[in-house]
Amino acid sequence: MNRHATSDVADGPTRMLLAADGSTTLLLEALLDRPLTVSVARQRPLPTHRAPERAVRALNITPGRTVIERSSALVTDDGEVMSRNTVVFAVPPRGWSADADDAVPLGQRLRAARTLQHRTLLSSGRANWPDAGQESPCAYKEYLIRCEDGRLLYVHERFNPRHISPPLHSAVAAPVPAAEPVGASA
């Protein structure tokens, strides 16, 4: 993880959220003392040349393949958005159908299916939060989830600055280490 991204964070909960390599949803629910569900805004197949470059590099997807890009939000029961998320994957791991109508957060779905997983933090820091046509500074983190079946998911999360304080300065995103190659049979 980019150490600088948390060194300029004065707020302890934000520092914890950006440094943690476990379930973001569980941490957010604990910080907010509220349950969260997923609202999927868009889920679509994309050729690798149209997918987020950092995701394709982290997943080590070979050119010419198709990935799924899922744009979602973690929301409270009254509809307030707590995080905006992008998940990119070639094939969903065992234990998660990748159904766009599933309101259970990804990590909770994988845990419920007892799917072993390991998260590797790629970077964290300051990004932009879209809010009523304007952008405000917010905290973000990106990571790779490697599941026991070898399948990988790239996750990029931005956090609502009304609840999670952003870092004081923008961090320079570190180079993304590539995973083992994902071939045509994945």
C-alpha atoms as a PDB file:
ATOM      1  CA  MET A   1       0.000   0.000   0.000  1.00  0.00           C
ATOM      2  CA  ASN A   2       1.060   3.543  -0.599  1.00  0.00           C
ATOM      3  CA  ARG A   3       2.148   4.526   2.929  1.00  0.00           C
ATOM      4  CA  HIS A   4       1.953   8.246   2.122  1.00  0.00           C
ATOM      5  CA  ALA A   5      -1.807   7.919   1.563  1.00  0.00           C
ATOM      6  CA  THR A   6      -2.450   7.284   5.252  1.00  0.00           C
ATOM      7  CA  SER A   7       0.354   9.397   6.710  1.00  0.00           C
ATOM      8  CA  ASP A   8      -1.490  12.635   5.905  1.00  0.00           C
ATOM      9  CA  VAL A   9      -4.846  11.457   7.268  1.00  0.00           C
ATOM     10  CA  ALA A  10      -5.657  13.148  10.566  1.00  0.00           C
ATOM     11  CA  ASP A  11      -8.896  11.217  11.092  1.00  0.00           C
ATOM     12  CA  GLY A  12      -8.404   7.816  12.764  1.00  0.00           C
ATOM     13  CA  PRO A  13     -11.451   6.115  11.215  1.00  0.00           C
ATOM     14  CA  THR A  14     -10.346   7.170   7.711  1.00  0.00           C
ATOM     15  CA  ARG A  15      -6.814   5.929   8.359  1.00  0.00           C
ATOM     16  CA  MET A  16      -8.221   2.593   9.561  1.00  0.00           C
ATOM     17  CA  LEU A  17     -10.520   2.269   6.540  1.00  0.00           C
ATOM     18  CA  LEU A  18      -7.739   3.026   4.039  1.00  0.00           C
ATOM     19  CA  ALA A  19      -5.175   0.750   5.685  1.00  0.00           C
ATOM     20  CA  ALA A  20      -7.445  -2.254   6.321  1.00  0.00           C
ATOM     21  CA  ASP A  21      -7.123  -5.288   4.070  1.00  0.00           C
ATOM     22  CA  GLY A  22     -10.426  -6.841   5.140  1.00  0.00           C
ATOM     23  CA  SER A  23     -14.099  -6.151   4.518  1.00  0.00           C
ATOM     24  CA  THR A  24     -14.738  -2.490   3.819  1.00  0.00           C
ATOM     25  CA  THR A  25     -18.466  -3.039   4.281  1.00  0.00           C
ATOM     26  CA  LEU A  26     -17.998  -4.394   7.807  1.00  0.00           C
ATOM     27  CA  LEU A  27     -15.790  -1.428   8.717  1.00  0.00           C
ATOM     28  CA  LEU A  28     -18.236   1.103   7.270  1.00  0.00           C
ATOM     29  CA  GLU A  29     -21.169  -0.557   9.042  1.00  0.00           C
ATOM     30  CA  ALA A  30     -19.252  -0.444  12.335  1.00  0.00           C
ATOM     31  CA  LEU A  31     -18.233   3.201  11.843  1.00  0.00           C
ATOM     32  CA  LEU A  32     -21.760   4.267  10.885  1.00  0.00           C
ATOM     33  CA  ASP A  33     -23.576   1.857  13.214  1.00  0.00           C
ATOM     34  CA  ARG A  34     -25.921   1.041  10.305  1.00  0.00           C
ATOM     35  CA  PRO A  35     -26.391  -1.852   7.886  1.00  0.00           C
ATOM     36  CA  LEU A  36     -25.532  -1.256   4.227  1.00  0.00           C
ATOM     37  CA  THR A  37     -26.811  -2.787   1.009  1.00  0.00           C
ATOM     38  CA  VAL A  38     -25.599  -2.622  -2.575  1.00  0.00           C
ATOM     39  CA  SER A  39     -27.276  -0.649  -5.311  1.00  0.00           C
ATOM     40  CA  VAL A  40     -25.905  -1.575  -8.745  1.00  0.00           C
ATOM     41  CA  ALA A  41     -26.034   1.371 -11.140  1.00  0.00           C
ATOM     42  CA  ARG A  42     -24.528  -0.460 -14.122  1.00  0.00           C
ATOM     43  CA  GLN A  43     -23.007  -3.817 -14.931  1.00  0.00           C
ATOM     44  CA  ARG A  44     -21.664  -4.416 -18.411  1.00  0.00           C
ATOM     45  CA  PRO A  45     -19.168  -6.446 -20.410  1.00  0.00           C
ATOM     46  CA  LEU A  46     -16.268  -4.434 -21.803  1.00  0.00           C
ATOM     47  CA  PRO A  47     -13.335  -5.314 -24.045  1.00  0.00           C
ATOM     48  CA  THR A  48     -10.088  -4.836 -22.134  1.00  0.00           C
ATOM     49  CA  HIS A  49      -9.152  -1.763 -24.176  1.00  0.00           C
ATOM     50  CA  ARG A  50     -12.282   0.039 -22.856  1.00  0.00           C
ATOM     51  CA  ALA A  51     -11.996  -1.158 -19.242  1.00  0.00           C
ATOM     52  CA  PRO A  52     -10.180   0.827 -16.515  1.00  0.00           C
ATOM     53  CA  GLU A  53      -6.477   0.479 -17.291  1.00  0.00           C
ATOM     54  CA  ARG A  54      -5.420   0.001 -13.652  1.00  0.00           C
ATOM     55  CA  ALA A  55      -7.961  -2.810 -13.269  1.00  0.00           C
ATOM     56  CA  VAL A  56      -6.821  -4.613 -16.421  1.00  0.00           C
ATOM     57  CA  ARG A  57      -3.181  -4.280 -15.320  1.00  0.00           C
ATOM     58  CA  ALA A  58      -3.897  -5.497 -11.767  1.00  0.00           C
ATOM     59  CA  LEU A  59      -5.917  -8.448 -13.056  1.00  0.00           C
ATOM     60  CA  ASN A  60      -3.276  -9.138 -15.730  1.00  0.00           C
ATOM     61  CA  ILE A  61      -5.963  -9.707 -18.344  1.00  0.00           C
ATOM     62  CA  THR A  62      -4.594 -10.504 -21.785  1.00  0.00           C
ATOM     63  CA  PRO A  63      -5.554  -8.133 -24.634  1.00  0.00           C
ATOM     64  CA  GLY A  64      -8.645  -9.034 -26.614  1.00  0.00           C
ATOM     65  CA  ARG A  65     -10.513 -10.457 -23.622  1.00  0.00           C
ATOM     66  CA  THR A  66     -13.767  -9.214 -22.188  1.00  0.00           C
ATOM     67  CA  VAL A  67     -14.219  -8.196 -18.563  1.00  0.00           C
ATOM     68  CA  ILE A  68     -17.274  -7.219 -16.549  1.00  0.00           C
ATOM     69  CA  GLU A  69     -17.337  -3.716 -15.081  1.00  0.00           C
ATOM     70  CA  ARG A  70     -19.797  -3.227 -12.225  1.00  0.00           C
ATOM     71  CA  SER A  71     -20.567   0.263 -10.895  1.00  0.00           C
ATOM     72  CA  SER A  72     -22.346   0.190  -7.562  1.00  0.00           C
ATOM     73  CA  ALA A  73     -22.861   2.015  -4.290  1.00  0.00           C
ATOM     74  CA  LEU A  74     -23.102   0.946  -0.671  1.00  0.00           C
ATOM     75  CA  VAL A  75     -26.228   2.637   0.661  1.00  0.00           C
ATOM     76  CA  THR A  76     -28.032   3.017   3.984  1.00  0.00           C
ATOM     77  CA  ASP A  77     -31.615   1.907   4.490  1.00  0.00           C
ATOM     78  CA  ASP A  78     -32.758   5.478   3.776  1.00  0.00           C
ATOM     79  CA  GLY A  79     -30.804   5.601   0.483  1.00  0.00           C
ATOM     80  CA  GLU A  80     -27.766   7.680   1.463  1.00  0.00           C
ATOM     81  CA  VAL A  81     -24.703   6.646  -0.558  1.00  0.00           C
ATOM     82  CA  MET A  82     -21.710   5.791   1.652  1.00  0.00           C
ATOM     83  CA  SER A  83     -19.342   4.567  -1.054  1.00  0.00           C
ATOM     84  CA  ARG A  84     -19.191   4.463  -4.835  1.00  0.00           C
ATOM     85  CA  ASN A  85     -17.527   1.347  -6.138  1.00  0.00           C
ATOM     86  CA  THR A  86     -16.150  -0.099  -9.337  1.00  0.00           C
ATOM     87  CA  VAL A  87     -15.563  -3.851  -9.494  1.00  0.00           C
ATOM     88  CA  VAL A  88     -13.892  -5.410 -12.533  1.00  0.00           C
ATOM     89  CA  PHE A  89     -13.541  -9.158 -13.139  1.00  0.00           C
ATOM     90  CA  ALA A  90     -13.298 -11.712 -15.935  1.00  0.00           C
ATOM     91  CA  VAL A  91     -15.310 -14.489 -14.245  1.00  0.00           C
ATOM     92  CA  PRO A  92     -17.080 -14.240 -10.869  1.00  0.00           C
ATOM     93  CA  PRO A  93     -15.621 -16.417  -8.095  1.00  0.00           C
ATOM     94  CA  ARG A  94     -17.440 -19.366  -6.592  1.00  0.00           C
ATOM     95  CA  GLY A  95     -19.874 -18.088  -4.005  1.00  0.00           C
ATOM     96  CA  TRP A  96     -20.896 -14.948  -5.914  1.00  0.00           C
ATOM     97  CA  SER A  97     -23.262 -14.956  -8.868  1.00  0.00           C
ATOM     98  CA  ALA A  98     -22.461 -11.346  -9.856  1.00  0.00           C
ATOM     99  CA  ASP A  99     -26.208 -10.838 -10.195  1.00  0.00           C
ATOM    100  CA  ALA A 100     -26.816  -7.100 -10.644  1.00  0.00           C
ATOM    101  CA  ASP A 101     -30.043  -7.414  -8.580  1.00  0.00           C
ATOM    102  CA  ASP A 102     -28.265  -8.902  -5.541  1.00  0.00           C
ATOM    103  CA  ALA A 103     -28.386  -6.267  -2.743  1.00  0.00           C
ATOM    104  CA  VAL A 104     -25.900  -8.127  -0.500  1.00  0.00           C
ATOM    105  CA  PRO A 105     -22.403  -6.564  -0.542  1.00  0.00           C
ATOM    106  CA  LEU A 106     -19.744  -8.644  -2.359  1.00  0.00           C
ATOM    107  CA  GLY A 107     -17.600  -9.449   0.694  1.00  0.00           C
ATOM    108  CA  GLN A 108     -20.648 -10.488   2.721  1.00  0.00           C
ATOM    109  CA  ARG A 109     -21.834 -12.725  -0.126  1.00  0.00           C
ATOM    110  CA  LEU A 110     -18.400 -14.394  -0.366  1.00  0.00           C
ATOM    111  CA  ARG A 111     -18.227 -14.887   3.424  1.00  0.00           C
ATOM    112  CA  ALA A 112     -21.749 -16.361   3.505  1.00  0.00           C
ATOM    113  CA  ALA A 113     -20.636 -18.874   0.853  1.00  0.00           C
ATOM    114  CA  ARG A 114     -17.474 -19.551   2.916  1.00  0.00           C
ATOM    115  CA  THR A 115     -15.313 -18.529  -0.020  1.00  0.00           C
ATOM    116  CA  LEU A 116     -11.774 -17.971   1.211  1.00  0.00           C
ATOM    117  CA  GLN A 117     -10.362 -14.682  -0.018  1.00  0.00           C
ATOM    118  CA  HIS A 118      -7.267 -12.548   0.285  1.00  0.00           C
ATOM    119  CA  ARG A 119      -7.191  -8.811  -0.359  1.00  0.00           C
ATOM    120  CA  THR A 120      -4.107  -7.008  -1.596  1.00  0.00           C
ATOM    121  CA  LEU A 121      -4.189  -3.238  -1.216  1.00  0.00           C
ATOM    122  CA  LEU A 122      -2.972  -1.469  -4.345  1.00  0.00           C
ATOM    123  CA  SER A 123      -3.332   2.181  -3.371  1.00  0.00           C
ATOM    124  CA  SER A 124      -5.345   4.632  -1.323  1.00  0.00           C
ATOM    125  CA  GLY A 125      -5.563   8.371  -0.955  1.00  0.00           C
ATOM    126  CA  ARG A 126      -7.628  11.309  -2.129  1.00  0.00           C
ATOM    127  CA  ALA A 127     -10.024  11.297  -5.082  1.00  0.00           C
ATOM    128  CA  ASN A 128     -13.176  13.168  -6.125  1.00  0.00           C
ATOM    129  CA  TRP A 129     -16.715  12.531  -4.884  1.00  0.00           C
ATOM    130  CA  PRO A 130     -19.483  13.580  -7.291  1.00  0.00           C
ATOM    131  CA  ASP A 131     -22.204  15.457  -5.428  1.00  0.00           C
ATOM    132  CA  ALA A 132     -25.083  17.295  -7.102  1.00  0.00           C
ATOM    133  CA  GLY A 133     -23.054  18.195 -10.195  1.00  0.00           C
ATOM    134  CA  GLN A 134     -19.964  19.222  -8.219  1.00  0.00           C
ATOM    135  CA  GLU A 135     -16.989  17.264  -6.974  1.00  0.00           C
ATOM    136  CA  SER A 136     -15.639  17.246  -3.427  1.00  0.00           C
ATOM    137  CA  PRO A 137     -12.418  15.658  -2.150  1.00  0.00           C
ATOM    138  CA  CYS A 138     -12.942  12.164  -0.771  1.00  0.00           C
ATOM    139  CA  ALA A 139     -10.933   9.174   0.426  1.00  0.00           C
ATOM    140  CA  TYR A 140     -10.475   6.187  -1.882  1.00  0.00           C
ATOM    141  CA  LYS A 141      -8.796   2.824  -1.908  1.00  0.00           C
ATOM    142  CA  GLU A 142      -8.268   0.146  -4.507  1.00  0.00           C
ATOM    143  CA  TYR A 143      -7.436  -3.495  -3.992  1.00  0.00           C
ATOM    144  CA  LEU A 144      -7.428  -6.924  -5.549  1.00  0.00           C
ATOM    145  CA  ILE A 145      -9.468  -9.806  -4.114  1.00  0.00           C
ATOM    146  CA  ARG A 146      -8.002 -13.246  -4.821  1.00  0.00           C
ATOM    147  CA  CYS A 147     -10.485 -16.035  -4.100  1.00  0.00           C
ATOM    148  CA  GLU A 148      -9.676 -19.645  -3.293  1.00  0.00           C
ATOM    149  CA  ASP A 149     -10.733 -20.754  -6.790  1.00  0.00           C
ATOM    150  CA  GLY A 150      -8.036 -18.475  -8.256  1.00  0.00           C
ATOM    151  CA  ARG A 151     -10.486 -15.924  -9.589  1.00  0.00           C
ATOM    152  CA  LEU A 152      -9.643 -12.239  -9.133  1.00  0.00           C
ATOM    153  CA  LEU A 153     -11.696  -9.105  -8.627  1.00  0.00           C
ATOM    154  CA  TYR A 154     -10.399  -5.548  -8.846  1.00  0.00           C
ATOM    155  CA  VAL A 155     -12.182  -3.113  -6.502  1.00  0.00           C
ATOM    156  CA  HIS A 156     -11.979   0.695  -6.405  1.00  0.00           C
ATOM    157  CA  GLU A 157     -13.961   2.441  -3.643  1.00  0.00           C
ATOM    158  CA  ARG A 158     -14.599   6.136  -2.979  1.00  0.00           C
ATOM    159  CA  PHE A 159     -16.075   7.147   0.379  1.00  0.00           C
ATOM    160  CA  ASN A 160     -18.700   9.773   1.140  1.00  0.00           C
ATOM    161  CA  PRO A 161     -16.764  12.767   2.561  1.00  0.00           C
ATOM    162  CA  ARG A 162     -19.683  13.721   4.839  1.00  0.00           C
ATOM    163  CA  HIS A 163     -18.913  10.572   6.842  1.00  0.00           C
ATOM    164  CA  ILE A 164     -15.306   9.639   5.998  1.00  0.00           C
ATOM    165  CA  SER A 165     -12.793  12.500   6.039  1.00  0.00           C
ATOM    166  CA  PRO A 166     -10.561  12.719   2.963  1.00  0.00           C
ATOM    167  CA  PRO A 167      -6.764  12.792   3.220  1.00  0.00           C
ATOM    168  CA  LEU A 168      -5.285  16.292   3.307  1.00  0.00           C
ATOM    169  CA  HIS A 169      -3.328  15.863   0.058  1.00  0.00           C
ATOM    170  CA  SER A 170      -3.599  13.879  -3.126  1.00  0.00           C
ATOM    171  CA  ALA A 171      -1.404  10.808  -3.204  1.00  0.00           C
ATOM    172  CA  VAL A 172       0.374   9.677  -6.323  1.00  0.00           C
ATOM    173  CA  ALA A 173      -0.996   6.276  -7.287  1.00  0.00           C
ATOM    174  CA  ALA A 174       1.668   3.601  -7.054  1.00  0.00           C
ATOM    175  CA  PRO A 175       2.316   1.286  -9.997  1.00  0.00           C
ATOM    176  CA  VAL A 176      -0.083  -1.636  -9.947  1.00  0.00           C
ATOM    177  CA  PRO A 177       1.599  -5.026  -9.608  1.00  0.00           C
ATOM    178  CA  ALA A 178       0.116  -7.534 -12.031  1.00  0.00           C
ATOM    179  CA  ALA A 179      -1.403 -10.785 -10.851  1.00  0.00           C
ATOM    180  CA  GLU A 180      -0.670 -14.114 -12.481  1.00  0.00           C
ATOM    181  CA  PRO A 181      -1.915 -14.024 -16.105  1.00  0.00           C
ATOM    182  CA  VAL A 182      -5.573 -14.751 -16.669  1.00  0.00           C
ATOM    183  CA  GLY A 183      -5.843 -16.805 -19.840  1.00  0.00           C
ATOM    184  CA  ALA A 184      -8.759 -17.536 -22.115  1.00  0.00           C
ATOM    185  CA  SER A 185      -9.942 -20.440 -19.936  1.00  0.00           C
ATOM    186  CA  ALA A 186     -10.518 -18.379 -16.754  1.00  0.00           C
END
